[in-house]
C-alpha atoms as a PDB file:
ATOM      1  CA  MET A   1    -133.301  64.529 165.389  1.00  0.00           C
ATOM      2  CA  ALA A   2    -131.656  63.194 162.244  1.00  0.00           C
ATOM      3  CA  TYR A   3    -132.900  66.292 160.457  1.00  0.00           C
ATOM      4  CA  VAL A   4    -131.512  68.695 163.074  1.00  0.00           C
ATOM      5  CA  LEU A   5    -128.009  67.324 163.694  1.00  0.00           C
ATOM      6  CA  PRO A   6    -126.510  68.167 160.267  1.00  0.00           C
ATOM      7  CA  MET A   7    -127.669  71.771 160.657  1.00  0.00           C
ATOM      8  CA  LEU A   8    -125.802  72.328 163.914  1.00  0.00           C
ATOM      9  CA  LEU A   9    -122.543  74.225 163.622  1.00  0.00           C
ATOM     10  CA  VAL A  10    -120.726  72.344 166.380  1.00  0.00           C
ATOM     11  CA  PRO A  11    -117.880  69.820 166.290  1.00  0.00           C
ATOM     12  CA  ASN A  12    -118.724  66.352 165.033  1.00  0.00           C
ATOM     13  CA  LEU A  13    -117.732  64.852 168.389  1.00  0.00           C
ATOM     14  CA  LEU A  14    -120.619  66.688 170.055  1.00  0.00           C
ATOM     15  CA  LYS A  15    -123.021  65.505 167.365  1.00  0.00           C
ATOM     16  CA  VAL A  16    -121.883  61.917 167.800  1.00  0.00           C
ATOM     17  CA  THR A  17    -122.168  62.209 171.583  1.00  0.00           C
ATOM     18  CA  ILE A  18    -125.747  63.466 171.318  1.00  0.00           C
ATOM     19  CA  ALA A  19    -126.654  60.611 168.988  1.00  0.00           C
ATOM     20  CA  VAL A  20    -124.990  57.992 171.215  1.00  0.00           C
ATOM     21  CA  PHE A  21    -126.867  59.200 174.291  1.00  0.00           C
ATOM     22  CA  PHE A  22    -130.210  59.122 172.463  1.00  0.00           C
ATOM     23  CA  ILE A  23    -129.463  55.634 171.089  1.00  0.00           C
ATOM     24  CA  LEU A  24    -128.430  54.367 174.527  1.00  0.00           C
ATOM     25  CA  SER A  25    -131.621  55.790 176.005  1.00  0.00           C
ATOM     26  CA  GLY A  26    -133.711  54.055 173.376  1.00  0.00           C
ATOM     27  CA  TYR A  27    -132.057  50.696 173.972  1.00  0.00           C
ATOM     28  CA  ALA A  28    -132.384  50.997 177.748  1.00  0.00           C
ATOM     29  CA  PHE A  29    -136.115  51.667 177.492  1.00  0.00           C
ATOM     30  CA  THR A  30    -136.501  48.981 174.811  1.00  0.00           C
ATOM     31  CA  ILE A  31    -135.095  46.387 177.188  1.00  0.00           C
ATOM     32  CA  SER A  32    -136.761  47.579 180.381  1.00  0.00           C
ATOM     33  CA  THR A  33    -140.300  48.071 179.027  1.00  0.00           C
ATOM     34  CA  PRO A  34    -140.999  44.476 177.890  1.00  0.00           C
ATOM     35  CA  LEU A  35    -139.128  43.147 180.909  1.00  0.00           C
ATOM     36  CA  ALA A  36    -141.426  45.229 183.123  1.00  0.00           C
ATOM     37  CA  ALA A  37    -144.442  43.586 181.501  1.00  0.00           C
ATOM     38  CA  ILE A  38    -142.962  40.120 181.953  1.00  0.00           C
ATOM     39  CA  THR A  39    -142.034  40.633 185.616  1.00  0.00           C
ATOM     40  CA  LYS A  40    -145.185  42.682 186.387  1.00  0.00           C
ATOM     41  CA  ASP A  41    -142.989  45.282 188.053  1.00  0.00           C
ATOM     42  CA  ARG A  42    -142.858  48.888 186.907  1.00  0.00           C
ATOM     43  CA  GLY A  43    -139.306  49.410 188.137  1.00  0.00           C
ATOM     44  CA  LEU A  44    -140.011  52.648 189.972  1.00  0.00           C
ATOM     45  CA  SER A  45    -138.234  51.782 193.218  1.00  0.00           C
ATOM     46  CA  ALA A  46    -134.736  50.547 193.928  1.00  0.00           C
ATOM     47  CA  GLY A  47    -135.809  48.049 196.592  1.00  0.00           C
ATOM     48  CA  ALA A  48    -136.659  45.226 194.203  1.00  0.00           C
ATOM     49  CA  SER A  49    -134.478  42.220 193.458  1.00  0.00           C
ATOM     50  CA  GLY A  50    -133.778  40.006 190.462  1.00  0.00           C
ATOM     51  CA  LEU A  51    -135.312  40.996 187.140  1.00  0.00           C
ATOM     52  CA  ALA A  52    -137.322  43.784 188.765  1.00  0.00           C
ATOM     53  CA  ARG A  53    -134.045  45.458 189.690  1.00  0.00           C
ATOM     54  CA  LEU A  54    -132.951  45.185 186.050  1.00  0.00           C
ATOM     55  CA  VAL A  55    -136.161  46.984 185.043  1.00  0.00           C
ATOM     56  CA  TYR A  56    -135.341  49.751 187.516  1.00  0.00           C
ATOM     57  CA  VAL A  57    -131.759  50.071 186.247  1.00  0.00           C
ATOM     58  CA  GLY A  58    -132.988  50.188 182.644  1.00  0.00           C
ATOM     59  CA  ASN A  59    -135.439  52.948 183.506  1.00  0.00           C
ATOM     60  CA  ILE A  60    -132.755  54.947 185.320  1.00  0.00           C
ATOM     61  CA  ILE A  61    -130.259  54.581 182.470  1.00  0.00           C
ATOM     62  CA  GLY A  62    -132.914  55.515 179.910  1.00  0.00           C
ATOM     63  CA  ALA A  63    -134.068  58.560 181.841  1.00  0.00           C
ATOM     64  CA  PHE A  64    -130.606  59.936 182.577  1.00  0.00           C
ATOM     65  CA  THR A  65    -129.200  59.363 179.102  1.00  0.00           C
ATOM     66  CA  SER A  66    -132.191  61.022 177.438  1.00  0.00           C
ATOM     67  CA  LEU A  67    -131.871  63.964 179.841  1.00  0.00           C
ATOM     68  CA  ILE A  68    -128.147  64.325 179.078  1.00  0.00           C
ATOM     69  CA  ALA A  69    -128.792  64.090 175.332  1.00  0.00           C
ATOM     70  CA  ALA A  70    -131.524  66.720 175.520  1.00  0.00           C
ATOM     71  CA  LEU A  71    -129.285  69.088 177.492  1.00  0.00           C
ATOM     72  CA  LEU A  72    -126.441  68.579 175.024  1.00  0.00           C
ATOM     73  CA  LEU A  73    -128.812  69.241 172.138  1.00  0.00           C
ATOM     74  CA  VAL A  74    -129.968  72.502 173.733  1.00  0.00           C
ATOM     75  CA  PHE A  75    -126.326  73.445 174.343  1.00  0.00           C
ATOM     76  CA  ALA A  76    -125.468  72.672 170.712  1.00  0.00           C
ATOM     77  CA  THR A  77    -128.358  74.757 169.376  1.00  0.00           C
ATOM     78  CA  LEU A  78    -127.440  77.714 171.572  1.00  0.00           C
ATOM     79  CA  PHE A  79    -123.831  77.750 170.377  1.00  0.00           C
ATOM     80  CA  SER A  80    -124.604  76.983 166.769  1.00  0.00           C
ATOM     81  CA  THR A  81    -126.250  80.314 166.003  1.00  0.00           C
END
């Protein structure tokens, strides 16, 4: 992604937004994955409590932010040509 962003002919604010969403996604998964191993909960359902709920929230944040970043990246590539 670091190779692609400078080539896009879109405003810098959009480039920064794409990068922030990908970074946020990475941090959310970085926190939730080891926590899932510690709590022995995969975090796939919202019904859990305590640390298992934190694993679920981390997975949701990671999934949605990576989806938003990917959509913004597709949008940026379509309008940069």
